[in-house]
């Protein structure tokens, strides 16, 4: 079994996580070409991902799951993806930028 270490390192560079502190973060904290998503089942964590991920089939499956659970009413005020953080990081680490 081979490990894709460069992909994991690249994912850590691309994904930027910040813990929610109960206050809304300003929109200017998201660089141009990126979008913020909230990930987690109970405690939500904020990730900033490239907009190019929106075209990836694996990421689109996450968006479909979010639509099925929340529709267009996301409790965090932004896009909320209802999956475990480790699964999200695993999926996004395999995506091309």
Protein backbone atom coordinates (compact mmCIF):
# COMPACT_ATOMS: atom_id res chain seq x y z
CA UNK A 1 0.00 0.00 0.00
CA UNK A 2 1.49 3.31 -1.06
CA UNK A 3 0.95 6.57 0.75
CA UNK A 4 0.42 9.78 -1.17
CA UNK A 5 2.39 12.05 1.15
CA UNK A 6 2.62 15.01 -1.28
CA UNK A 7 -1.19 15.06 -1.56
CA UNK A 8 -1.58 15.14 2.20
CA UNK A 9 0.92 17.96 2.52
CA UNK A 10 -0.79 19.83 -0.31
CA UNK A 11 -4.18 19.41 1.36
CA UNK A 12 -2.86 20.87 4.59
CA UNK A 13 -1.61 23.87 2.63
CA UNK A 14 -4.87 24.35 0.72
CA UNK A 15 -7.31 23.72 3.55
CA UNK A 16 -7.31 26.42 6.13
CA UNK A 17 -9.18 25.60 9.29
CA UNK A 18 -10.29 27.93 12.02
CA UNK A 19 -12.39 27.06 15.03
CA UNK A 20 -15.69 28.83 15.37
CA UNK A 21 -15.75 31.18 18.32
CA UNK A 22 -19.47 31.89 18.39
CA UNK A 23 -19.18 35.05 16.30
CA UNK A 24 -19.47 35.31 12.56
CA UNK A 25 -16.22 35.70 10.71
CA UNK A 26 -15.89 38.56 8.27
CA UNK A 27 -16.19 37.71 4.60
CA UNK A 28 -12.79 39.27 3.94
CA UNK A 29 -11.16 36.32 5.78
CA UNK A 30 -11.80 34.24 2.67
CA UNK A 31 -9.29 34.88 -0.12
CA UNK A 32 -10.46 35.44 -3.68
CA UNK A 33 -11.04 32.10 -5.43
CA UNK A 34 -11.94 30.28 -2.21
CA UNK A 35 -15.12 29.62 -0.25
CA UNK A 36 -15.74 28.84 3.40
CA UNK A 37 -17.51 25.65 4.41
CA UNK A 38 -18.44 24.34 7.85
CA UNK A 39 -17.76 20.66 8.44
CA UNK A 40 -18.66 18.32 11.25
CA UNK A 41 -21.47 16.33 12.72
CA UNK A 42 -21.74 17.96 16.14
CA UNK A 43 -19.07 20.62 16.48
CA UNK A 44 -18.61 22.49 13.21
CA UNK A 45 -15.19 23.61 12.01
CA UNK A 46 -14.60 26.16 9.30
CA UNK A 47 -12.51 25.27 6.25
CA UNK A 48 -11.54 27.51 3.36
CA UNK A 49 -11.38 25.54 0.12
CA UNK A 50 -10.64 26.50 -3.50
CA UNK A 51 -13.71 27.19 -5.62
CA UNK A 52 -12.29 24.72 -8.16
CA UNK A 53 -13.39 21.93 -5.77
CA UNK A 54 -17.02 22.70 -6.70
CA UNK A 55 -16.48 20.97 -10.05
CA UNK A 56 -15.00 17.80 -8.56
CA UNK A 57 -17.41 14.79 -8.42
CA UNK A 58 -16.31 13.77 -4.91
CA UNK A 59 -16.95 17.28 -3.57
CA UNK A 60 -20.27 17.43 -5.41
CA UNK A 61 -21.35 14.30 -3.52
CA UNK A 62 -20.68 16.18 -0.27
CA UNK A 63 -22.78 19.08 -1.58
CA UNK A 64 -25.64 16.70 -2.44
CA UNK A 65 -25.51 15.30 1.09
CA UNK A 66 -25.64 18.86 2.47
CA UNK A 67 -28.61 19.69 0.24
CA UNK A 68 -30.49 16.56 1.36
CA UNK A 69 -29.96 17.40 5.03
CA UNK A 70 -30.29 21.18 5.08
CA UNK A 71 -31.82 22.23 1.75
CA UNK A 72 -30.89 25.87 1.36
CA UNK A 73 -31.25 26.68 5.07
CA UNK A 74 -27.78 26.22 6.55
CA UNK A 75 -27.69 26.69 10.35
CA UNK A 76 -24.20 28.23 10.36
CA UNK A 77 -25.15 30.93 7.86
CA UNK A 78 -22.70 29.48 5.35
CA UNK A 79 -22.39 26.19 3.51
CA UNK A 80 -22.55 23.36 6.06
CA UNK A 81 -21.39 19.88 5.08
CA UNK A 82 -22.70 17.14 7.40
CA UNK A 83 -19.80 14.69 7.54
CA UNK A 84 -16.94 13.91 9.90
CA UNK A 85 -13.93 16.19 9.68
CA UNK A 86 -11.50 13.34 8.97
CA UNK A 87 -13.62 12.13 6.04
CA UNK A 88 -13.77 15.66 4.61
CA UNK A 89 -10.00 16.08 4.86
CA UNK A 90 -9.46 12.66 3.29
CA UNK A 91 -11.72 13.48 0.34
CA UNK A 92 -10.33 16.95 -0.27
CA UNK A 93 -6.73 15.73 0.00
CA UNK A 94 -7.33 13.61 -3.09
CA UNK A 95 -8.73 16.45 -5.20
CA UNK A 96 -6.79 18.38 -7.80
CA UNK A 97 -6.48 22.14 -7.39
